[in-house]
């Protein structure tokens, strides 16, 4: 039986933002819990959201890198994921679809908001802290703090906006310079429901991310809930965190295509061929 509660933490724009619920009743009806399981619940857990409290994002505790045991309990683990990308690419929509099975076409500017999902993974309690960031990055220190305290990153661009893909390159470089170590990064091309407006060729994005950057990549649609679950599955795969799908949700989503999760030998050969043809432009993300 899957049970859940929802809460989120919002961040202030004031300098005190370095210091970082409306808990809803937990359902006791097993049928309701199973049928209402969100994509996050598919990872055999619960999700959380609500009004925030100051101090949750401080660097001397709660906001420290969270891929660690919870206290002295070896069966508890926290893992912080930061979702980044240009404004209006669908970062919030992806999180809402993953955790809450909800989507709205109305755009609301995000400052920063922390979401939480709790899962049972191979006998261990895993808490995912998912930070939804602003696309404007008006406060460099705020961005640096978000990167420093993260364990993994989801970088989102819109397939309809070539500039948003270029922003991904800058964000990746900033992450590598700040973290000074390899961390799980999954690049997501969102808005595949707007294929007729595509500005970023799939082949180009795949070559850059999979071959040049050797990172995780897939395209998705937050609106259609296509591949949203797979974004987080790929991230957990990179982090070598094992997870299990609940039978009910597995049946409900068994027809979902597994795009971008594994590269076949034929696909890899094709990507290497593309890379050889454009070897003089390695690491270039400029799209005409």
C-alpha atoms as a PDB file:
ATOM      1  CA  UNK A   1       0.000   0.000   0.000  1.00  0.00           C
ATOM      2  CA  UNK A   2       1.318   3.421  -0.966  1.00  0.00           C
ATOM      3  CA  UNK A   3       0.605   6.386   1.253  1.00  0.00           C
ATOM      4  CA  UNK A   4       1.598  10.000   0.714  1.00  0.00           C
ATOM      5  CA  UNK A   5       1.607  13.512   2.001  1.00  0.00           C
ATOM      6  CA  UNK A   6       2.455  16.711   0.128  1.00  0.00           C
ATOM      7  CA  UNK A   7       4.542  19.711   1.063  1.00  0.00           C
ATOM      8  CA  UNK A   8       7.020  22.129  -0.522  1.00  0.00           C
ATOM      9  CA  UNK A   9       9.316  24.891   0.675  1.00  0.00           C
ATOM     10  CA  UNK A  10       9.434  28.264  -1.070  1.00  0.00           C
ATOM     11  CA  UNK A  11      12.537  30.450  -0.962  1.00  0.00           C
ATOM     12  CA  UNK A  12      12.734  34.205  -0.424  1.00  0.00           C
ATOM     13  CA  UNK A  13      14.443  36.583  -2.841  1.00  0.00           C
ATOM     14  CA  UNK A  14      16.086  38.417   0.079  1.00  0.00           C
ATOM     15  CA  UNK A  15      19.753  37.880   1.022  1.00  0.00           C
ATOM     16  CA  UNK A  16      18.535  35.552   3.766  1.00  0.00           C
ATOM     17  CA  UNK A  17      17.623  33.132   0.996  1.00  0.00           C
ATOM     18  CA  UNK A  18      20.764  31.225   1.896  1.00  0.00           C
ATOM     19  CA  UNK A  19      18.745  30.009   4.812  1.00  0.00           C
ATOM     20  CA  UNK A  20      16.193  28.213   3.353  1.00  0.00           C
ATOM     21  CA  UNK A  21       3.401  22.083   4.913  1.00  0.00           C
ATOM     22  CA  UNK A  22       0.623  21.833   4.359  1.00  0.00           C
ATOM     23  CA  UNK A  23       0.531  18.113   5.183  1.00  0.00           C
ATOM     24  CA  UNK A  24      -2.557  16.530   3.794  1.00  0.00           C
ATOM     25  CA  UNK A  25      -4.043  13.555   5.662  1.00  0.00           C
ATOM     26  CA  UNK A  26      -2.511  10.223   4.775  1.00  0.00           C
ATOM     27  CA  UNK A  27      -5.037   8.050   2.996  1.00  0.00           C
ATOM     28  CA  UNK A  28      -5.916   4.801   4.736  1.00  0.00           C
ATOM     29  CA  UNK A  29      -7.810   3.404   1.795  1.00  0.00           C
ATOM     30  CA  UNK A  30      -5.572   0.967  -0.053  1.00  0.00           C
ATOM     31  CA  UNK A  31      -7.586   1.094  -3.258  1.00  0.00           C
ATOM     32  CA  UNK A  32      -7.433   4.889  -3.305  1.00  0.00           C
ATOM     33  CA  UNK A  33      -3.711   4.829  -2.574  1.00  0.00           C
ATOM     34  CA  UNK A  34      -3.001   2.385  -5.394  1.00  0.00           C
ATOM     35  CA  UNK A  35      -5.284   3.907  -8.013  1.00  0.00           C
ATOM     36  CA  UNK A  36      -4.134   7.426  -7.106  1.00  0.00           C
ATOM     37  CA  UNK A  37      -0.470   6.542  -7.081  1.00  0.00           C
ATOM     38  CA  UNK A  38       1.581   9.165  -8.846  1.00  0.00           C
ATOM     39  CA  UNK A  39       4.555   8.573 -11.083  1.00  0.00           C
ATOM     40  CA  UNK A  40       6.694   9.198  -8.021  1.00  0.00           C
ATOM     41  CA  UNK A  41       4.738   6.514  -6.243  1.00  0.00           C
ATOM     42  CA  UNK A  42       5.835   4.213  -9.014  1.00  0.00           C
ATOM     43  CA  UNK A  43       9.187   4.210  -7.297  1.00  0.00           C
ATOM     44  CA  UNK A  44       7.421   2.512  -4.394  1.00  0.00           C
ATOM     45  CA  UNK A  45       7.168   5.626  -2.240  1.00  0.00           C
ATOM     46  CA  UNK A  46       5.311   8.769  -1.250  1.00  0.00           C
ATOM     47  CA  UNK A  47       5.564  12.426  -2.238  1.00  0.00           C
ATOM     48  CA  UNK A  48       5.283  15.591  -0.206  1.00  0.00           C
ATOM     49  CA  UNK A  49       4.447  19.286  -0.648  1.00  0.00           C
ATOM     50  CA  UNK A  50       3.240  22.390   1.383  1.00  0.00           C
ATOM     51  CA  UNK A  51       4.201  25.796   2.873  1.00  0.00           C
ATOM     52  CA  UNK A  52       7.804  26.195   3.898  1.00  0.00           C
ATOM     53  CA  UNK A  53       9.832  27.154   6.928  1.00  0.00           C
ATOM     54  CA  UNK A  54      13.037  29.209   7.146  1.00  0.00           C
ATOM     55  CA  UNK A  55      16.321  27.483   7.598  1.00  0.00           C
ATOM     56  CA  UNK A  56      15.575  24.428   5.516  1.00  0.00           C
ATOM     57  CA  UNK A  57      18.166  25.463   2.988  1.00  0.00           C
ATOM     58  CA  UNK A  58      21.067  26.446   5.194  1.00  0.00           C
ATOM     59  CA  UNK A  59      24.491  25.215   4.291  1.00  0.00           C
ATOM     60  CA  UNK A  60      25.242  24.014   7.824  1.00  0.00           C
ATOM     61  CA  UNK A  61      22.796  21.165   7.962  1.00  0.00           C
ATOM     62  CA  UNK A  62      19.623  20.690   6.031  1.00  0.00           C
ATOM     63  CA  UNK A  63      21.033  22.081   2.808  1.00  0.00           C
ATOM     64  CA  UNK A  64      24.285  20.215   2.950  1.00  0.00           C
ATOM     65  CA  UNK A  65      24.804  17.566   0.287  1.00  0.00           C
ATOM     66  CA  UNK A  66      22.049  15.133   1.116  1.00  0.00           C
ATOM     67  CA  UNK A  67      23.275  11.833  -0.316  1.00  0.00           C
ATOM     68  CA  UNK A  68      23.922  10.608   3.183  1.00  0.00           C
ATOM     69  CA  UNK A  69      22.387   8.514   5.907  1.00  0.00           C
ATOM     70  CA  UNK A  70      19.627  10.103   7.948  1.00  0.00           C
ATOM     71  CA  UNK A  71      21.190  10.463  11.381  1.00  0.00           C
ATOM     72  CA  UNK A  72      22.583   7.164  12.602  1.00  0.00           C
ATOM     73  CA  UNK A  73      19.972   5.062  10.828  1.00  0.00           C
ATOM     74  CA  UNK A  74      21.705   3.118   8.017  1.00  0.00           C
ATOM     75  CA  UNK A  75      18.311   2.323   6.496  1.00  0.00           C
ATOM     76  CA  UNK A  76      17.531   5.980   5.776  1.00  0.00           C
ATOM     77  CA  UNK A  77      19.052   8.064   2.993  1.00  0.00           C
ATOM     78  CA  UNK A  78      18.456  11.552   1.567  1.00  0.00           C
ATOM     79  CA  UNK A  79      19.301  12.507  -1.992  1.00  0.00           C
ATOM     80  CA  UNK A  80      19.045  16.045  -3.335  1.00  0.00           C
ATOM     81  CA  UNK A  81      18.152  16.627  -6.983  1.00  0.00           C
ATOM     82  CA  UNK A  82      18.291  20.105  -8.520  1.00  0.00           C
ATOM     83  CA  UNK A  83      16.217  20.829 -11.630  1.00  0.00           C
ATOM     84  CA  UNK A  84      17.711  23.620 -13.755  1.00  0.00           C
ATOM     85  CA  UNK A  85      17.117  25.239 -17.123  1.00  0.00           C
ATOM     86  CA  UNK A  86      15.998  28.432 -18.824  1.00  0.00           C
ATOM     87  CA  UNK A  87      12.671  30.036 -17.962  1.00  0.00           C
ATOM     88  CA  UNK A  88       9.491  28.507 -19.406  1.00  0.00           C
ATOM     89  CA  UNK A  89      11.030  25.193 -20.472  1.00  0.00           C
ATOM     90  CA  UNK A  90       8.777  23.167 -18.158  1.00  0.00           C
ATOM     91  CA  UNK A  91      10.895  22.462 -15.073  1.00  0.00           C
ATOM     92  CA  UNK A  92       8.007  22.909 -12.655  1.00  0.00           C
ATOM     93  CA  UNK A  93       5.643  21.013 -14.950  1.00  0.00           C
ATOM     94  CA  UNK A  94       7.954  17.984 -14.955  1.00  0.00           C
ATOM     95  CA  UNK A  95       8.188  17.976 -11.153  1.00  0.00           C
ATOM     96  CA  UNK A  96       4.434  18.393 -10.706  1.00  0.00           C
ATOM     97  CA  UNK A  97       3.699  15.619 -13.175  1.00  0.00           C
ATOM     98  CA  UNK A  98       6.221  13.291 -11.509  1.00  0.00           C
ATOM     99  CA  UNK A  99       5.194  13.901  -7.903  1.00  0.00           C
ATOM    100  CA  UNK A 100       1.543  14.908  -8.126  1.00  0.00           C
ATOM    101  CA  UNK A 101       0.208  13.707 -11.498  1.00  0.00           C
ATOM    102  CA  UNK A 102      -0.834  17.271 -12.302  1.00  0.00           C
ATOM    103  CA  UNK A 103      -0.254  19.669 -15.182  1.00  0.00           C
ATOM    104  CA  UNK A 104      -1.318  23.242 -15.840  1.00  0.00           C
ATOM    105  CA  UNK A 105      -0.619  25.275 -18.966  1.00  0.00           C
ATOM    106  CA  UNK A 106      -0.657  28.500 -16.926  1.00  0.00           C
ATOM    107  CA  UNK A 107       2.874  29.824 -16.416  1.00  0.00           C
ATOM    108  CA  UNK A 108       3.852  30.967 -12.934  1.00  0.00           C
ATOM    109  CA  UNK A 109       7.379  32.258 -12.405  1.00  0.00           C
ATOM    110  CA  UNK A 110       9.324  30.099  -9.973  1.00  0.00           C
ATOM    111  CA  UNK A 111      11.736  31.550  -7.433  1.00  0.00           C
ATOM    112  CA  UNK A 112      12.867  28.360  -5.746  1.00  0.00           C
ATOM    113  CA  UNK A 113      10.733  25.620  -4.293  1.00  0.00           C
ATOM    114  CA  UNK A 114      11.688  22.409  -2.545  1.00  0.00           C
ATOM    115  CA  UNK A 115       9.646  19.233  -3.036  1.00  0.00           C
ATOM    116  CA  UNK A 116      10.047  15.904  -1.289  1.00  0.00           C
ATOM    117  CA  UNK A 117       9.360  12.299  -2.188  1.00  0.00           C
ATOM    118  CA  UNK A 118       9.803   9.382   0.201  1.00  0.00           C
ATOM    119  CA  UNK A 119      10.332   5.836  -1.080  1.00  0.00           C
ATOM    120  CA  UNK A 120      11.056   2.359   0.147  1.00  0.00           C
ATOM    121  CA  UNK A 121      13.983   1.047  -1.896  1.00  0.00           C
ATOM    122  CA  UNK A 122      15.351  -2.447  -1.231  1.00  0.00           C
ATOM    123  CA  UNK A 123      14.518  -2.213   2.457  1.00  0.00           C
ATOM    124  CA  UNK A 124      15.925   1.307   2.731  1.00  0.00           C
ATOM    125  CA  UNK A 125      14.008   4.562   3.175  1.00  0.00           C
ATOM    126  CA  UNK A 126      15.011   7.020   0.424  1.00  0.00           C
ATOM    127  CA  UNK A 127      14.009  10.683   0.552  1.00  0.00           C
ATOM    128  CA  UNK A 128      14.351  12.663  -2.673  1.00  0.00           C
ATOM    129  CA  UNK A 129      14.646  16.405  -2.082  1.00  0.00           C
ATOM    130  CA  UNK A 130      13.811  17.961  -5.465  1.00  0.00           C
ATOM    131  CA  UNK A 131      14.708  21.641  -5.829  1.00  0.00           C
ATOM    132  CA  UNK A 132      12.815  23.551  -8.517  1.00  0.00           C
ATOM    133  CA  UNK A 133      14.963  26.532  -9.509  1.00  0.00           C
ATOM    134  CA  UNK A 134      14.305  29.848 -11.189  1.00  0.00           C
ATOM    135  CA  UNK A 135      15.168  30.119 -14.857  1.00  0.00           C
ATOM    136  CA  UNK A 136      16.396  33.700 -14.518  1.00  0.00           C
ATOM    137  CA  UNK A 137      19.372  33.055 -12.192  1.00  0.00           C
ATOM    138  CA  UNK A 138      19.333  36.654 -10.993  1.00  0.00           C
ATOM    139  CA  UNK A 139      21.287  35.704  -7.882  1.00  0.00           C
ATOM    140  CA  UNK A 140      24.593  33.954  -8.704  1.00  0.00           C
ATOM    141  CA  UNK A 141      25.275  33.111  -5.054  1.00  0.00           C
ATOM    142  CA  UNK A 142      21.882  31.449  -4.832  1.00  0.00           C
ATOM    143  CA  UNK A 143      22.640  29.350  -7.902  1.00  0.00           C
ATOM    144  CA  UNK A 144      26.063  28.392  -6.543  1.00  0.00           C
ATOM    145  CA  UNK A 145      24.512  27.310  -3.243  1.00  0.00           C
ATOM    146  CA  UNK A 146      21.957  25.171  -5.078  1.00  0.00           C
ATOM    147  CA  UNK A 147      24.702  23.455  -7.070  1.00  0.00           C
ATOM    148  CA  UNK A 148      27.024  22.973  -4.100  1.00  0.00           C
ATOM    149  CA  UNK A 149      24.339  21.237  -2.041  1.00  0.00           C
ATOM    150  CA  UNK A 150      23.083  18.977  -4.841  1.00  0.00           C
ATOM    151  CA  UNK A 151      23.789  15.303  -5.415  1.00  0.00           C
ATOM    152  CA  UNK A 152      22.371  15.129  -8.957  1.00  0.00           C
ATOM    153  CA  UNK A 153      20.978  17.405 -11.658  1.00  0.00           C
ATOM    154  CA  UNK A 154      18.186  17.424 -14.203  1.00  0.00           C
ATOM    155  CA  UNK A 155      18.879  19.989 -16.933  1.00  0.00           C
ATOM    156  CA  UNK A 156      15.761  20.870 -18.924  1.00  0.00           C
ATOM    157  CA  UNK A 157      15.458  22.609 -22.281  1.00  0.00           C
ATOM    158  CA  UNK A 158      12.548  23.022 -24.674  1.00  0.00           C
ATOM    159  CA  UNK A 159      12.798  21.319 -28.058  1.00  0.00           C
ATOM    160  CA  UNK A 160      11.088  24.441 -29.441  1.00  0.00           C
ATOM    161  CA  UNK A 161      13.805  26.817 -28.196  1.00  0.00           C
ATOM    162  CA  UNK A 162      17.412  26.478 -29.409  1.00  0.00           C
ATOM    163  CA  UNK A 163      18.619  29.112 -26.941  1.00  0.00           C
ATOM    164  CA  UNK A 164      17.338  27.020 -24.042  1.00  0.00           C
ATOM    165  CA  UNK A 165      19.579  24.179 -25.246  1.00  0.00           C
ATOM    166  CA  UNK A 166      22.562  26.538 -25.297  1.00  0.00           C
ATOM    167  CA  UNK A 167      21.675  27.454 -21.705  1.00  0.00           C
ATOM    168  CA  UNK A 168      22.028  23.780 -20.799  1.00  0.00           C
ATOM    169  CA  UNK A 169      25.648  23.856 -21.977  1.00  0.00           C
ATOM    170  CA  UNK A 170      26.422  26.842 -19.727  1.00  0.00           C
ATOM    171  CA  UNK A 171      24.700  25.230 -16.761  1.00  0.00           C
ATOM    172  CA  UNK A 172      26.597  21.982 -17.237  1.00  0.00           C
ATOM    173  CA  UNK A 173      29.916  23.833 -17.375  1.00  0.00           C
ATOM    174  CA  UNK A 174      29.003  25.732 -14.210  1.00  0.00           C
ATOM    175  CA  UNK A 175      28.089  22.492 -12.431  1.00  0.00           C
ATOM    176  CA  UNK A 176      31.368  20.812 -13.386  1.00  0.00           C
ATOM    177  CA  UNK A 177      33.406  23.850 -12.316  1.00  0.00           C
ATOM    178  CA  UNK A 178      31.545  24.160  -9.019  1.00  0.00           C
ATOM    179  CA  UNK A 179      31.336  20.501  -8.015  1.00  0.00           C
ATOM    180  CA  UNK A 180      34.809  19.599  -9.329  1.00  0.00           C
ATOM    181  CA  UNK A 181      33.707  15.988  -9.622  1.00  0.00           C
ATOM    182  CA  UNK A 182      31.463  13.853 -11.776  1.00  0.00           C
ATOM    183  CA  UNK A 183      27.851  13.901 -10.635  1.00  0.00           C
ATOM    184  CA  UNK A 184      24.732  12.348 -12.175  1.00  0.00           C
ATOM    185  CA  UNK A 185      23.311  14.691 -14.822  1.00  0.00           C
ATOM    186  CA  UNK A 186      20.296  13.954 -17.006  1.00  0.00           C
ATOM    187  CA  UNK A 187      19.477  16.317 -19.877  1.00  0.00           C
ATOM    188  CA  UNK A 188      15.796  16.470 -20.818  1.00  0.00           C
ATOM    189  CA  UNK A 189      14.321  17.850 -24.033  1.00  0.00           C
ATOM    190  CA  UNK A 190      10.812  18.806 -22.910  1.00  0.00           C
ATOM    191  CA  UNK A 191       7.682  19.662 -24.940  1.00  0.00           C
ATOM    192  CA  UNK A 192       7.714  16.824 -27.468  1.00  0.00           C
ATOM    193  CA  UNK A 193       3.981  17.489 -27.746  1.00  0.00           C
ATOM    194  CA  UNK A 194       5.016  20.539 -29.830  1.00  0.00           C
ATOM    195  CA  UNK A 195       6.893  18.526 -32.458  1.00  0.00           C
ATOM    196  CA  UNK A 196       5.701  20.805 -35.259  1.00  0.00           C
ATOM    197  CA  UNK A 197       7.578  23.674 -33.556  1.00  0.00           C
ATOM    198  CA  UNK A 198      10.831  21.759 -32.994  1.00  0.00           C
ATOM    199  CA  UNK A 199      13.973  23.920 -33.124  1.00  0.00           C
ATOM    200  CA  UNK A 200      16.457  21.475 -31.556  1.00  0.00           C
ATOM    201  CA  UNK A 201      17.013  18.371 -33.735  1.00  0.00           C
ATOM    202  CA  UNK A 202      16.880  15.158 -31.734  1.00  0.00           C
ATOM    203  CA  UNK A 203      19.971  13.824 -33.512  1.00  0.00           C
ATOM    204  CA  UNK A 204      21.981  16.917 -32.585  1.00  0.00           C
ATOM    205  CA  UNK A 205      20.995  16.814 -28.920  1.00  0.00           C
ATOM    206  CA  UNK A 206      21.688  13.074 -28.672  1.00  0.00           C
ATOM    207  CA  UNK A 207      25.142  13.461 -30.201  1.00  0.00           C
ATOM    208  CA  UNK A 208      26.172  16.267 -27.876  1.00  0.00           C
ATOM    209  CA  UNK A 209      24.794  14.784 -24.653  1.00  0.00           C
ATOM    210  CA  UNK A 210      25.318  11.046 -25.163  1.00  0.00           C
ATOM    211  CA  UNK A 211      28.589  11.104 -27.115  1.00  0.00           C
ATOM    212  CA  UNK A 212      30.392  14.350 -26.296  1.00  0.00           C
ATOM    213  CA  UNK A 213      29.239  14.740 -22.698  1.00  0.00           C
ATOM    214  CA  UNK A 214      28.662  11.035 -22.004  1.00  0.00           C
ATOM    215  CA  UNK A 215      25.605  11.959 -19.954  1.00  0.00           C
ATOM    216  CA  UNK A 216      22.009  10.842 -19.628  1.00  0.00           C
ATOM    217  CA  UNK A 217      19.506  12.094 -22.180  1.00  0.00           C
ATOM    218  CA  UNK A 218      15.887  11.693 -23.172  1.00  0.00           C
ATOM    219  CA  UNK A 219      13.036  13.724 -24.584  1.00  0.00           C
ATOM    220  CA  UNK A 220       9.777  14.077 -22.711  1.00  0.00           C
ATOM    221  CA  UNK A 221       6.434  15.831 -22.541  1.00  0.00           C
ATOM    222  CA  UNK A 222       5.293  17.065 -19.151  1.00  0.00           C
ATOM    223  CA  UNK A 223       1.933  17.899 -20.707  1.00  0.00           C
ATOM    224  CA  UNK A 224       1.341  14.348 -21.977  1.00  0.00           C
ATOM    225  CA  UNK A 225       3.220  12.723 -19.065  1.00  0.00           C
ATOM    226  CA  UNK A 226       5.527  11.057 -21.594  1.00  0.00           C
ATOM    227  CA  UNK A 227       8.847   9.769 -20.200  1.00  0.00           C
ATOM    228  CA  UNK A 228       8.538  11.883 -17.039  1.00  0.00           C
ATOM    229  CA  UNK A 229       8.976   8.842 -14.807  1.00  0.00           C
ATOM    230  CA  UNK A 230      11.942   7.730 -16.900  1.00  0.00           C
ATOM    231  CA  UNK A 231      13.772  10.991 -16.173  1.00  0.00           C
ATOM    232  CA  UNK A 232      14.029  10.078 -12.514  1.00  0.00           C
ATOM    233  CA  UNK A 233      14.667   6.404 -13.238  1.00  0.00           C
ATOM    234  CA  UNK A 234      17.653   7.406 -15.371  1.00  0.00           C
ATOM    235  CA  UNK A 235      18.912   9.680 -12.596  1.00  0.00           C
ATOM    236  CA  UNK A 236      18.693   6.868 -10.036  1.00  0.00           C
ATOM    237  CA  UNK A 237      20.427   4.541 -12.487  1.00  0.00           C
ATOM    238  CA  UNK A 238      23.317   6.996 -12.810  1.00  0.00           C
ATOM    239  CA  UNK A 239      23.490   7.314  -9.032  1.00  0.00           C
ATOM    240  CA  UNK A 240      23.467   3.502  -8.775  1.00  0.00           C
ATOM    241  CA  UNK A 241      20.405   3.602  -6.530  1.00  0.00           C
ATOM    242  CA  UNK A 242      18.216   0.555  -6.992  1.00  0.00           C
ATOM    243  CA  UNK A 243      14.456   1.027  -7.070  1.00  0.00           C
ATOM    244  CA  UNK A 244      11.363  -1.096  -7.622  1.00  0.00           C
ATOM    245  CA  UNK A 245       8.138  -0.364  -9.477  1.00  0.00           C
ATOM    246  CA  UNK A 246       4.935  -1.208  -7.661  1.00  0.00           C
ATOM    247  CA  UNK A 247       2.895  -3.840  -9.583  1.00  0.00           C
ATOM    248  CA  UNK A 248      -0.181  -1.598  -9.858  1.00  0.00           C
ATOM    249  CA  UNK A 249       1.683   1.329 -11.374  1.00  0.00           C
ATOM    250  CA  UNK A 250       3.801  -0.954 -13.543  1.00  0.00           C
ATOM    251  CA  UNK A 251       0.619  -2.321 -15.138  1.00  0.00           C
ATOM    252  CA  UNK A 252      -0.758   1.173 -15.569  1.00  0.00           C
ATOM    253  CA  UNK A 253       2.417   2.410 -17.307  1.00  0.00           C
ATOM    254  CA  UNK A 254       3.642  -0.712 -19.053  1.00  0.00           C
ATOM    255  CA  UNK A 255       2.982   0.748 -22.503  1.00  0.00           C
ATOM    256  CA  UNK A 256       5.144   3.828 -21.870  1.00  0.00           C
ATOM    257  CA  UNK A 257       8.091   3.784 -24.330  1.00  0.00           C
ATOM    258  CA  UNK A 258      11.541   3.611 -22.785  1.00  0.00           C
ATOM    259  CA  UNK A 259      13.079   6.406 -24.840  1.00  0.00           C
ATOM    260  CA  UNK A 260      16.594   7.488 -23.950  1.00  0.00           C
ATOM    261  CA  UNK A 261      17.160   4.936 -21.196  1.00  0.00           C
ATOM    262  CA  UNK A 262      19.515   2.542 -23.000  1.00  0.00           C
ATOM    263  CA  UNK A 263      21.423   2.975 -26.260  1.00  0.00           C
ATOM    264  CA  UNK A 264      21.481   0.020 -28.599  1.00  0.00           C
ATOM    265  CA  UNK A 265      24.752  -0.889 -30.387  1.00  0.00           C
ATOM    266  CA  UNK A 266      23.228   0.284 -33.666  1.00  0.00           C
ATOM    267  CA  UNK A 267      22.291   3.646 -32.146  1.00  0.00           C
ATOM    268  CA  UNK A 268      25.744   4.043 -30.618  1.00  0.00           C
ATOM    269  CA  UNK A 269      27.372   3.255 -33.967  1.00  0.00           C
ATOM    270  CA  UNK A 270      25.149   5.855 -35.614  1.00  0.00           C
ATOM    271  CA  UNK A 271      26.095   8.468 -33.006  1.00  0.00           C
ATOM    272  CA  UNK A 272      29.813   7.752 -33.428  1.00  0.00           C
ATOM    273  CA  UNK A 273      29.371   8.181 -37.193  1.00  0.00           C
ATOM    274  CA  UNK A 274      27.772  11.587 -36.625  1.00  0.00           C
ATOM    275  CA  UNK A 275      30.544  12.499 -34.218  1.00  0.00           C
ATOM    276  CA  UNK A 276      33.240  11.660 -36.763  1.00  0.00           C
ATOM    277  CA  UNK A 277      31.529  13.773 -39.405  1.00  0.00           C
ATOM    278  CA  UNK A 278      31.480  16.767 -37.066  1.00  0.00           C
ATOM    279  CA  UNK A 279      34.700  16.119 -35.144  1.00  0.00           C
ATOM    280  CA  UNK A 280      35.866  19.648 -35.786  1.00  0.00           C
ATOM    281  CA  UNK A 281      32.866  20.988 -33.909  1.00  0.00           C
ATOM    282  CA  UNK A 282      33.126  18.860 -30.772  1.00  0.00           C
ATOM    283  CA  UNK A 283      31.383  20.299 -27.709  1.00  0.00           C
ATOM    284  CA  UNK A 284      29.633  22.970 -29.778  1.00  0.00           C
ATOM    285  CA  UNK A 285      26.014  23.485 -28.781  1.00  0.00           C
ATOM    286  CA  UNK A 286      25.142  26.224 -31.253  1.00  0.00           C
ATOM    287  CA  UNK A 287      22.122  25.145 -33.278  1.00  0.00           C
ATOM    288  CA  UNK A 288      21.248  26.798 -36.545  1.00  0.00           C
END
